[in-house]
Amino acid sequence: STRTFSTYAMGWFRQAPGKERELVAAITWSGANTVYADS
């Protein structure tokens, strides 16, 4: 809910029961690059 969405880096995280929150994937504000968990 923002008009300046293009200026935000975004990420997806996940948390399973009994485990810590972990990064799944992320993307820069530019969309130029992404990163993924090895799994």
PDB file of all heavy atoms in Angstrom:
ATOM      1  N   SER A   1       0.834  -1.214   0.000  1.00  0.00           N
ATOM      2  CA  SER A   1       0.000   0.000   0.000  1.00  0.00           C
ATOM      3  C   SER A   1       0.857   1.247   0.000  1.00  0.00           C
ATOM      4  O   SER A   1       0.777   2.058   0.933  1.00  0.00           O
ATOM      5  CB  SER A   1      -0.908   0.005   1.233  1.00  0.00           C
ATOM      6  OG  SER A   1      -0.106   0.124   2.391  1.00  0.00           O
ATOM      7  N   THR A   2       1.666   1.420  -1.016  1.00  0.00           N
ATOM      8  CA  THR A   2       2.503   2.606  -1.115  1.00  0.00           C
ATOM      9  C   THR A   2       2.677   2.986  -2.578  1.00  0.00           C
ATOM     10  O   THR A   2       2.825   2.116  -3.429  1.00  0.00           O
ATOM     11  CB  THR A   2       3.878   2.404  -0.468  1.00  0.00           C
ATOM     12  OG1 THR A   2       4.688   3.562  -0.725  1.00  0.00           O
ATOM     13  CG2 THR A   2       4.583   1.174  -1.018  1.00  0.00           C
ATOM     14  N   ARG A   3       2.704   4.314  -2.825  1.00  0.00           N
ATOM     15  CA  ARG A   3       2.906   4.786  -4.190  1.00  0.00           C
ATOM     16  C   ARG A   3       4.375   4.780  -4.572  1.00  0.00           C
ATOM     17  O   ARG A   3       4.710   5.006  -5.745  1.00  0.00           O
ATOM     18  CB  ARG A   3       2.347   6.199  -4.320  1.00  0.00           C
ATOM     19  CG  ARG A   3       0.845   6.274  -4.117  1.00  0.00           C
ATOM     20  CD  ARG A   3       0.344   7.696  -4.230  1.00  0.00           C
ATOM     21  NE  ARG A   3      -1.107   7.779  -4.036  1.00  0.00           N
ATOM     22  CZ  ARG A   3      -1.797   8.910  -4.054  1.00  0.00           C
ATOM     23  NH1 ARG A   3      -1.167  10.051  -4.263  1.00  0.00           N
ATOM     24  NH2 ARG A   3      -3.103   8.891  -3.856  1.00  0.00           N
ATOM     25  N   THR A   4       5.225   4.567  -3.566  1.00  0.00           N
ATOM     26  CA  THR A   4       6.663   4.561  -3.825  1.00  0.00           C
ATOM     27  C   THR A   4       7.233   3.149  -3.743  1.00  0.00           C
ATOM     28  O   THR A   4       8.378   2.942  -3.339  1.00  0.00           O
ATOM     29  CB  THR A   4       7.395   5.478  -2.834  1.00  0.00           C
ATOM     30  OG1 THR A   4       7.118   5.022  -1.494  1.00  0.00           O
ATOM     31  CG2 THR A   4       6.947   6.911  -2.979  1.00  0.00           C
ATOM     32  N   PHE A   5       6.427   2.183  -4.143  1.00  0.00           N
ATOM     33  CA  PHE A   5       6.826   0.776  -4.054  1.00  0.00           C
ATOM     34  C   PHE A   5       8.145   0.514  -4.762  1.00  0.00           C
ATOM     35  O   PHE A   5       8.952  -0.287  -4.306  1.00  0.00           O
ATOM     36  CB  PHE A   5       5.724  -0.105  -4.647  1.00  0.00           C
ATOM     37  CG  PHE A   5       6.065  -1.559  -4.689  1.00  0.00           C
ATOM     38  CD1 PHE A   5       6.029  -2.321  -3.528  1.00  0.00           C
ATOM     39  CD2 PHE A   5       6.419  -2.184  -5.880  1.00  0.00           C
ATOM     40  CE1 PHE A   5       6.336  -3.674  -3.555  1.00  0.00           C
ATOM     41  CE2 PHE A   5       6.728  -3.528  -5.923  1.00  0.00           C
ATOM     42  CZ  PHE A   5       6.683  -4.276  -4.755  1.00  0.00           C
ATOM     43  N   SER A   6       8.378   1.207  -5.863  1.00  0.00           N
ATOM     44  CA  SER A   6       9.584   0.963  -6.656  1.00  0.00           C
ATOM     45  C   SER A   6      10.861   1.340  -5.924  1.00  0.00           C
ATOM     46  O   SER A   6      11.956   0.995  -6.381  1.00  0.00           O
ATOM     47  CB  SER A   6       9.499   1.711  -7.986  1.00  0.00           C
ATOM     48  OG  SER A   6       9.443   3.112  -7.758  1.00  0.00           O
ATOM     49  N   THR A   7      10.755   2.031  -4.794  1.00  0.00           N
ATOM     50  CA  THR A   7      11.936   2.415  -4.030  1.00  0.00           C
ATOM     51  C   THR A   7      12.241   1.454  -2.884  1.00  0.00           C
ATOM     52  O   THR A   7      13.191   1.671  -2.135  1.00  0.00           O
ATOM     53  CB  THR A   7      11.779   3.828  -3.442  1.00  0.00           C
ATOM     54  OG1 THR A   7      10.715   3.818  -2.471  1.00  0.00           O
ATOM     55  CG2 THR A   7      11.457   4.847  -4.531  1.00  0.00           C
ATOM     56  N   TYR A   8      11.426   0.406  -2.762  1.00  0.00           N
ATOM     57  CA  TYR A   8      11.587  -0.555  -1.672  1.00  0.00           C
ATOM     58  C   TYR A   8      12.207  -1.853  -2.156  1.00  0.00           C
ATOM     59  O   TYR A   8      11.767  -2.433  -3.143  1.00  0.00           O
ATOM     60  CB  TYR A   8      10.239  -0.877  -1.030  1.00  0.00           C
ATOM     61  CG  TYR A   8       9.720   0.214  -0.127  1.00  0.00           C
ATOM     62  CD1 TYR A   8       9.028   1.296  -0.647  1.00  0.00           C
ATOM     63  CD2 TYR A   8       9.928   0.153   1.233  1.00  0.00           C
ATOM     64  CE1 TYR A   8       8.562   2.302   0.166  1.00  0.00           C
ATOM     65  CE2 TYR A   8       9.453   1.154   2.072  1.00  0.00           C
ATOM     66  CZ  TYR A   8       8.784   2.216   1.525  1.00  0.00           C
ATOM     67  OH  TYR A   8       8.319   3.209   2.352  1.00  0.00           O
ATOM     68  N   ALA A   9      13.222  -2.307  -1.434  1.00  0.00           N
ATOM     69  CA  ALA A   9      13.702  -3.675  -1.615  1.00  0.00           C
ATOM     70  C   ALA A   9      12.686  -4.604  -0.961  1.00  0.00           C
ATOM     71  O   ALA A   9      12.078  -4.257   0.050  1.00  0.00           O
ATOM     72  CB  ALA A   9      15.061  -3.843  -0.945  1.00  0.00           C
ATOM     73  N   MET A  10      12.501  -5.780  -1.544  1.00  0.00           N
ATOM     74  CA  MET A  10      11.476  -6.705  -1.050  1.00  0.00           C
ATOM     75  C   MET A  10      12.077  -8.075  -0.757  1.00  0.00           C
ATOM     76  O   MET A  10      13.058  -8.488  -1.384  1.00  0.00           O
ATOM     77  CB  MET A  10      10.364  -6.847  -2.077  1.00  0.00           C
ATOM     78  CG  MET A  10       9.660  -5.550  -2.432  1.00  0.00           C
ATOM     79  SD  MET A  10       8.813  -4.807  -1.033  1.00  0.00           S
ATOM     80  CE  MET A  10       7.577  -6.036  -0.658  1.00  0.00           C
ATOM     81  N   GLY A  11      11.454  -8.752   0.175  1.00  0.00           N
ATOM     82  CA  GLY A  11      11.923 -10.083   0.512  1.00  0.00           C
ATOM     83  C   GLY A  11      10.780 -10.986   0.941  1.00  0.00           C
ATOM     84  O   GLY A  11       9.719 -10.521   1.349  1.00  0.00           O
ATOM     85  N   TRP A  12      11.010 -12.268   0.808  1.00  0.00           N
ATOM     86  CA  TRP A  12      10.117 -13.304   1.347  1.00  0.00           C
ATOM     87  C   TRP A  12      10.903 -14.084   2.401  1.00  0.00           C
ATOM     88  O   TRP A  12      12.019 -14.540   2.143  1.00  0.00           O
ATOM     89  CB  TRP A  12       9.655 -14.257   0.256  1.00  0.00           C
ATOM     90  CG  TRP A  12       8.625 -13.692  -0.673  1.00  0.00           C
ATOM     91  CD1 TRP A  12       8.828 -13.148  -1.908  1.00  0.00           C
ATOM     92  CD2 TRP A  12       7.216 -13.631  -0.439  1.00  0.00           C
ATOM     93  NE1 TRP A  12       7.641 -12.752  -2.455  1.00  0.00           N
ATOM     94  CE2 TRP A  12       6.620 -13.040  -1.570  1.00  0.00           C
ATOM     95  CE3 TRP A  12       6.382 -14.024   0.617  1.00  0.00           C
ATOM     96  CZ2 TRP A  12       5.250 -12.825  -1.689  1.00  0.00           C
ATOM     97  CZ3 TRP A  12       5.020 -13.811   0.506  1.00  0.00           C
ATOM     98  CH2 TRP A  12       4.471 -13.210  -0.633  1.00  0.00           C
ATOM     99  N   PHE A  13      10.294 -14.205   3.560  1.00  0.00           N
ATOM    100  CA  PHE A  13      10.853 -14.985   4.658  1.00  0.00           C
ATOM    101  C   PHE A  13       9.855 -16.076   5.015  1.00  0.00           C
ATOM    102  O   PHE A  13       8.690 -16.005   4.645  1.00  0.00           O
ATOM    103  CB  PHE A  13      11.109 -14.108   5.882  1.00  0.00           C
ATOM    104  CG  PHE A  13      12.237 -13.137   5.717  1.00  0.00           C
ATOM    105  CD1 PHE A  13      12.091 -11.990   4.944  1.00  0.00           C
ATOM    106  CD2 PHE A  13      13.461 -13.359   6.329  1.00  0.00           C
ATOM    107  CE1 PHE A  13      13.136 -11.088   4.780  1.00  0.00           C
ATOM    108  CE2 PHE A  13      14.507 -12.464   6.176  1.00  0.00           C
ATOM    109  CZ  PHE A  13      14.343 -11.334   5.414  1.00  0.00           C
ATOM    110  N   ARG A  14      10.312 -17.076   5.760  1.00  0.00           N
ATOM    111  CA  ARG A  14       9.387 -18.101   6.242  1.00  0.00           C
ATOM    112  C   ARG A  14       9.794 -18.540   7.641  1.00  0.00           C
ATOM    113  O   ARG A  14      10.957 -18.417   8.038  1.00  0.00           O
ATOM    114  CB  ARG A  14       9.347 -19.303   5.303  1.00  0.00           C
ATOM    115  CG  ARG A  14      10.628 -20.120   5.238  1.00  0.00           C
ATOM    116  CD  ARG A  14      10.500 -21.206   4.172  1.00  0.00           C
ATOM    117  NE  ARG A  14      11.708 -22.021   4.096  1.00  0.00           N
ATOM    118  CZ  ARG A  14      11.918 -22.948   3.152  1.00  0.00           C
ATOM    119  NH1 ARG A  14      10.998 -23.177   2.214  1.00  0.00           N
ATOM    120  NH2 ARG A  14      13.039 -23.643   3.153  1.00  0.00           N
ATOM    121  N   GLN A  15       8.806 -19.042   8.360  1.00  0.00           N
ATOM    122  CA  GLN A  15       9.055 -19.533   9.705  1.00  0.00           C
ATOM    123  C   GLN A  15       8.238 -20.786   9.937  1.00  0.00           C
ATOM    124  O   GLN A  15       7.009 -20.755   9.869  1.00  0.00           O
ATOM    125  CB  GLN A  15       8.714 -18.478  10.757  1.00  0.00           C
ATOM    126  CG  GLN A  15       9.131 -18.866  12.157  1.00  0.00           C
ATOM    127  CD  GLN A  15       9.086 -17.705  13.118  1.00  0.00           C
ATOM    128  OE1 GLN A  15       8.456 -16.681  12.868  1.00  0.00           O
ATOM    129  NE2 GLN A  15       9.793 -17.839  14.233  1.00  0.00           N
ATOM    130  N   ALA A  16       8.935 -21.865  10.200  1.00  0.00           N
ATOM    131  CA  ALA A  16       8.294 -23.132  10.506  1.00  0.00           C
ATOM    132  C   ALA A  16       8.166 -23.274  12.024  1.00  0.00           C
ATOM    133  O   ALA A  16       8.923 -22.631  12.762  1.00  0.00           O
ATOM    134  CB  ALA A  16       9.117 -24.279   9.930  1.00  0.00           C
ATOM    135  N   PRO A  17       7.244 -24.096  12.505  1.00  0.00           N
ATOM    136  CA  PRO A  17       7.077 -24.265  13.952  1.00  0.00           C
ATOM    137  C   PRO A  17       8.380 -24.679  14.628  1.00  0.00           C
ATOM    138  O   PRO A  17       9.056 -25.601  14.169  1.00  0.00           O
ATOM    139  CB  PRO A  17       6.019 -25.368  14.043  1.00  0.00           C
ATOM    140  CG  PRO A  17       5.244 -25.250  12.780  1.00  0.00           C
ATOM    141  CD  PRO A  17       6.242 -24.852  11.730  1.00  0.00           C
ATOM    142  N   GLY A  18       8.733 -23.958  15.681  1.00  0.00           N
ATOM    143  CA  GLY A  18       9.929 -24.290  16.437  1.00  0.00           C
ATOM    144  C   GLY A  18      11.229 -23.847  15.806  1.00  0.00           C
ATOM    145  O   GLY A  18      12.303 -24.159  16.330  1.00  0.00           O
ATOM    146  N   LYS A  19      11.130 -23.141  14.690  1.00  0.00           N
ATOM    147  CA  LYS A  19      12.343 -22.693  13.990  1.00  0.00           C
ATOM    148  C   LYS A  19      12.369 -21.173  13.880  1.00  0.00           C
ATOM    149  O   LYS A  19      11.346 -20.508  14.001  1.00  0.00           O
ATOM    150  CB  LYS A  19      12.424 -23.323  12.606  1.00  0.00           C
ATOM    151  CG  LYS A  19      12.591 -24.834  12.627  1.00  0.00           C
ATOM    152  CD  LYS A  19      12.840 -25.381  11.234  1.00  0.00           C
ATOM    153  CE  LYS A  19      13.092 -26.870  11.256  1.00  0.00           C
ATOM    154  NZ  LYS A  19      13.376 -27.414   9.896  1.00  0.00           N
ATOM    155  N   GLU A  20      13.546 -20.642  13.619  1.00  0.00           N
ATOM    156  CA  GLU A  20      13.691 -19.202  13.449  1.00  0.00           C
ATOM    157  C   GLU A  20      13.230 -18.785  12.053  1.00  0.00           C
ATOM    158  O   GLU A  20      13.236 -19.591  11.113  1.00  0.00           O
ATOM    159  CB  GLU A  20      15.151 -18.793  13.658  1.00  0.00           C
ATOM    160  CG  GLU A  20      15.639 -18.979  15.083  1.00  0.00           C
ATOM    161  CD  GLU A  20      17.032 -18.412  15.291  1.00  0.00           C
ATOM    162  OE1 GLU A  20      17.660 -17.996  14.302  1.00  0.00           O
ATOM    163  OE2 GLU A  20      17.485 -18.383  16.442  1.00  0.00           O
ATOM    164  N   ARG A  21      12.861 -17.519  11.950  1.00  0.00           N
ATOM    165  CA  ARG A  21      12.485 -16.979  10.649  1.00  0.00           C
ATOM    166  C   ARG A  21      13.720 -16.955   9.757  1.00  0.00           C
ATOM    167  O   ARG A  21      14.801 -16.549  10.192  1.00  0.00           O
ATOM    168  CB  ARG A  21      11.908 -15.580  10.811  1.00  0.00           C
ATOM    169  CG  ARG A  21      11.253 -15.022   9.574  1.00  0.00           C
ATOM    170  CD  ARG A  21      10.511 -13.742   9.868  1.00  0.00           C
ATOM    171  NE  ARG A  21       9.405 -13.949  10.803  1.00  0.00           N
ATOM    172  CZ  ARG A  21       8.490 -13.034  11.071  1.00  0.00           C
ATOM    173  NH1 ARG A  21       8.524 -11.847  10.481  1.00  0.00           N
ATOM    174  NH2 ARG A  21       7.536 -13.294  11.942  1.00  0.00           N
ATOM    175  N   GLU A  22      13.545 -17.363   8.505  1.00  0.00           N
ATOM    176  CA  GLU A  22      14.673 -17.418   7.589  1.00  0.00           C
ATOM    177  C   GLU A  22      14.322 -16.774   6.254  1.00  0.00           C
ATOM    178  O   GLU A  22      13.159 -16.792   5.819  1.00  0.00           O
ATOM    179  CB  GLU A  22      15.106 -18.870   7.337  1.00  0.00           C
ATOM    180  CG  GLU A  22      14.064 -19.736   6.681  1.00  0.00           C
ATOM    181  CD  GLU A  22      14.575 -21.128   6.331  1.00  0.00           C
ATOM    182  OE1 GLU A  22      15.774 -21.403   6.541  1.00  0.00           O
ATOM    183  OE2 GLU A  22      13.762 -21.926   5.829  1.00  0.00           O
ATOM    184  N   LEU A  23      15.348 -16.228   5.618  1.00  0.00           N
ATOM    185  CA  LEU A  23      15.167 -15.654   4.286  1.00  0.00           C
ATOM    186  C   LEU A  23      14.910 -16.757   3.278  1.00  0.00           C
ATOM    187  O   LEU A  23      15.608 -17.769   3.256  1.00  0.00           O
ATOM    188  CB  LEU A  23      16.410 -14.877   3.874  1.00  0.00           C
ATOM    189  CG  LEU A  23      16.384 -14.312   2.454  1.00  0.00           C
ATOM    190  CD1 LEU A  23      15.449 -13.107   2.379  1.00  0.00           C
ATOM    191  CD2 LEU A  23      17.782 -13.944   1.985  1.00  0.00           C
ATOM    192  N   VAL A  24      13.921 -16.535   2.419  1.00  0.00           N
ATOM    193  CA  VAL A  24      13.657 -17.445   1.314  1.00  0.00           C
ATOM    194  C   VAL A  24      14.209 -16.854   0.023  1.00  0.00           C
ATOM    195  O   VAL A  24      14.949 -17.510  -0.713  1.00  0.00           O
ATOM    196  CB  VAL A  24      12.148 -17.699   1.160  1.00  0.00           C
ATOM    197  CG1 VAL A  24      11.870 -18.579  -0.057  1.00  0.00           C
ATOM    198  CG2 VAL A  24      11.582 -18.339   2.421  1.00  0.00           C
ATOM    199  N   ALA A  25      13.850 -15.599  -0.238  1.00  0.00           N
ATOM    200  CA  ALA A  25      14.296 -14.923  -1.449  1.00  0.00           C
ATOM    201  C   ALA A  25      14.166 -13.425  -1.265  1.00  0.00           C
ATOM    202  O   ALA A  25      13.331 -12.959  -0.486  1.00  0.00           O
ATOM    203  CB  ALA A  25      13.472 -15.364  -2.658  1.00  0.00           C
ATOM    204  N   ALA A  26      14.991 -12.674  -1.982  1.00  0.00           N
ATOM    205  CA  ALA A  26      14.930 -11.219  -1.900  1.00  0.00           C
ATOM    206  C   ALA A  26      15.248 -10.621  -3.259  1.00  0.00           C
ATOM    207  O   ALA A  26      15.941 -11.246  -4.081  1.00  0.00           O
ATOM    208  CB  ALA A  26      15.905 -10.700  -0.845  1.00  0.00           C
ATOM    209  N   ILE A  27      14.758  -9.398  -3.470  1.00  0.00           N
ATOM    210  CA  ILE A  27      14.972  -8.709  -4.739  1.00  0.00           C
ATOM    211  C   ILE A  27      15.231  -7.241  -4.446  1.00  0.00           C
ATOM    212  O   ILE A  27      14.653  -6.665  -3.529  1.00  0.00           O
ATOM    213  CB  ILE A  27      13.747  -8.891  -5.663  1.00  0.00           C
ATOM    214  CG1 ILE A  27      14.002  -8.331  -7.056  1.00  0.00           C
ATOM    215  CG2 ILE A  27      12.491  -8.289  -5.041  1.00  0.00           C
ATOM    216  CD1 ILE A  27      12.949  -8.752  -8.086  1.00  0.00           C
ATOM    217  N   THR A  28      16.140  -6.645  -5.196  1.00  0.00           N
ATOM    218  CA  THR A  28      16.454  -5.237  -4.990  1.00  0.00           C
ATOM    219  C   THR A  28      15.310  -4.343  -5.446  1.00  0.00           C
ATOM    220  O   THR A  28      14.426  -4.767  -6.194  1.00  0.00           O
ATOM    221  CB  THR A  28      17.713  -4.860  -5.770  1.00  0.00           C
ATOM    222  OG1 THR A  28      17.525  -5.222  -7.154  1.00  0.00           O
ATOM    223  CG2 THR A  28      18.947  -5.563  -5.234  1.00  0.00           C
ATOM    224  N   TRP A  29      15.353  -3.070  -5.018  1.00  0.00           N
ATOM    225  CA  TRP A  29      14.319  -2.132  -5.449  1.00  0.00           C
ATOM    226  C   TRP A  29      14.345  -1.981  -6.965  1.00  0.00           C
ATOM    227  O   TRP A  29      13.311  -1.757  -7.596  1.00  0.00           O
ATOM    228  CB  TRP A  29      14.501  -0.763  -4.777  1.00  0.00           C
ATOM    229  CG  TRP A  29      15.813  -0.082  -5.085  1.00  0.00           C
ATOM    230  CD1 TRP A  29      16.960  -0.129  -4.350  1.00  0.00           C
ATOM    231  CD2 TRP A  29      16.109   0.730  -6.233  1.00  0.00           C
ATOM    232  NE1 TRP A  29      17.950   0.597  -4.950  1.00  0.00           N
ATOM    233  CE2 TRP A  29      17.460   1.142  -6.099  1.00  0.00           C
ATOM    234  CE3 TRP A  29      15.385   1.151  -7.337  1.00  0.00           C
ATOM    235  CZ2 TRP A  29      18.080   1.950  -7.040  1.00  0.00           C
ATOM    236  CZ3 TRP A  29      16.001   1.963  -8.268  1.00  0.00           C
ATOM    237  CH2 TRP A  29      17.337   2.350  -8.128  1.00  0.00           C
ATOM    238  N   SER A  30      15.534  -2.122  -7.549  1.00  0.00           N
ATOM    239  CA  SER A  30      15.696  -1.974  -8.988  1.00  0.00           C
ATOM    240  C   SER A  30      15.237  -3.203  -9.765  1.00  0.00           C
ATOM    241  O   SER A  30      15.041  -3.133 -10.982  1.00  0.00           O
ATOM    242  CB  SER A  30      17.170  -1.725  -9.301  1.00  0.00           C
ATOM    243  OG  SER A  30      17.946  -2.848  -8.907  1.00  0.00           O
ATOM    244  N   GLY A  31      15.112  -4.317  -9.064  1.00  0.00           N
ATOM    245  CA  GLY A  31      14.815  -5.568  -9.758  1.00  0.00           C
ATOM    246  C   GLY A  31      16.026  -6.148 -10.463  1.00  0.00           C
ATOM    247  O   GLY A  31      15.927  -7.151 -11.159  1.00  0.00           O
ATOM    248  N   ALA A  32      17.182  -5.513 -10.261  1.00  0.00           N
ATOM    249  CA  ALA A  32      18.385  -5.914 -10.991  1.00  0.00           C
ATOM    250  C   ALA A  32      18.975  -7.216 -10.489  1.00  0.00           C
ATOM    251  O   ALA A  32      19.719  -7.872 -11.225  1.00  0.00           O
ATOM    252  CB  ALA A  32      19.432  -4.810 -10.906  1.00  0.00           C
ATOM    253  N   ASN A  33      18.676  -7.577  -9.247  1.00  0.00           N
ATOM    254  CA  ASN A  33      19.292  -8.771  -8.717  1.00  0.00           C
ATOM    255  C   ASN A  33      18.387  -9.429  -7.694  1.00  0.00           C
ATOM    256  O   ASN A  33      17.555  -8.783  -7.053  1.00  0.00           O
ATOM    257  CB  ASN A  33      20.638  -8.440  -8.057  1.00  0.00           C
ATOM    258  CG  ASN A  33      21.525  -9.659  -7.952  1.00  0.00           C
ATOM    259  OD1 ASN A  33      21.234 -10.704  -8.536  1.00  0.00           O
ATOM    260  ND2 ASN A  33      22.603  -9.561  -7.195  1.00  0.00           N
ATOM    261  N   THR A  34      18.563 -10.735  -7.570  1.00  0.00           N
ATOM    262  CA  THR A  34      17.809 -11.533  -6.615  1.00  0.00           C
ATOM    263  C   THR A  34      18.766 -12.451  -5.857  1.00  0.00           C
ATOM    264  O   THR A  34      19.891 -12.702  -6.291  1.00  0.00           O
ATOM    265  CB  THR A  34      16.753 -12.398  -7.317  1.00  0.00           C
ATOM    266  OG1 THR A  34      17.410 -13.236  -8.284  1.00  0.00           O
ATOM    267  CG2 THR A  34      15.718 -11.545  -8.042  1.00  0.00           C
ATOM    268  N   VAL A  35      18.302 -12.944  -4.735  1.00  0.00           N
ATOM    269  CA  VAL A  35      19.078 -13.897  -3.957  1.00  0.00           C
ATOM    270  C   VAL A  35      18.121 -14.924  -3.371  1.00  0.00           C
ATOM    271  O   VAL A  35      16.962 -14.602  -3.087  1.00  0.00           O
ATOM    272  CB  VAL A  35      19.881 -13.185  -2.845  1.00  0.00           C
ATOM    273  CG1 VAL A  35      18.959 -12.548  -1.824  1.00  0.00           C
ATOM    274  CG2 VAL A  35      20.867 -14.122  -2.178  1.00  0.00           C
ATOM    275  N   TYR A  36      18.609 -16.157  -3.229  1.00  0.00           N
ATOM    276  CA  TYR A  36      17.768 -17.248  -2.744  1.00  0.00           C
ATOM    277  C   TYR A  36      18.485 -18.057  -1.663  1.00  0.00           C
ATOM    278  O   TYR A  36      19.712 -18.206  -1.686  1.00  0.00           O
ATOM    279  CB  TYR A  36      17.408 -18.190  -3.893  1.00  0.00           C
ATOM    280  CG  TYR A  36      16.586 -17.552  -4.974  1.00  0.00           C
ATOM    281  CD1 TYR A  36      17.191 -16.962  -6.075  1.00  0.00           C
ATOM    282  CD2 TYR A  36      15.194 -17.523  -4.888  1.00  0.00           C
ATOM    283  CE1 TYR A  36      16.440 -16.359  -7.070  1.00  0.00           C
ATOM    284  CE2 TYR A  36      14.437 -16.919  -5.884  1.00  0.00           C
ATOM    285  CZ  TYR A  36      15.069 -16.338  -6.960  1.00  0.00           C
ATOM    286  OH  TYR A  36      14.313 -15.738  -7.945  1.00  0.00           O
ATOM    287  N   ALA A  37      17.702 -18.604  -0.758  1.00  0.00           N
ATOM    288  CA  ALA A  37      18.241 -19.574   0.174  1.00  0.00           C
ATOM    289  C   ALA A  37      18.674 -20.809  -0.615  1.00  0.00           C
ATOM    290  O   ALA A  37      18.047 -21.165  -1.618  1.00  0.00           O
ATOM    291  CB  ALA A  37      17.186 -19.958   1.208  1.00  0.00           C
ATOM    292  N   ASP A  38      19.733 -21.442  -0.174  1.00  0.00           N
ATOM    293  CA  ASP A  38      20.230 -22.623  -0.884  1.00  0.00           C
ATOM    294  C   ASP A  38      19.148 -23.692  -1.016  1.00  0.00           C
ATOM    295  O   ASP A  38      19.084 -24.405  -2.025  1.00  0.00           O
ATOM    296  CB  ASP A  38      21.438 -23.204  -0.159  1.00  0.00           C
ATOM    297  CG  ASP A  38      22.681 -22.347  -0.312  1.00  0.00           C
ATOM    298  OD1 ASP A  38      22.719 -21.489  -1.217  1.00  0.00           O
ATOM    299  OD2 ASP A  38      23.623 -22.535   0.485  1.00  0.00           O
ATOM    300  N   SER A  39      18.308 -23.798  -0.014  1.00  0.00           N
ATOM    301  CA  SER A  39      17.299 -24.857   0.011  1.00  0.00           C
ATOM    302  C   SER A  39      16.211 -24.681  -1.046  1.00  0.00           C
ATOM    303  O   SER A  39      15.474 -25.625  -1.331  1.00  0.00           O
ATOM    304  CB  SER A  39      16.650 -24.932   1.390  1.00  0.00           C
ATOM    305  OG  SER A  39      16.052 -23.692   1.724  1.00  0.00           O
TER     306      SER A  39
END
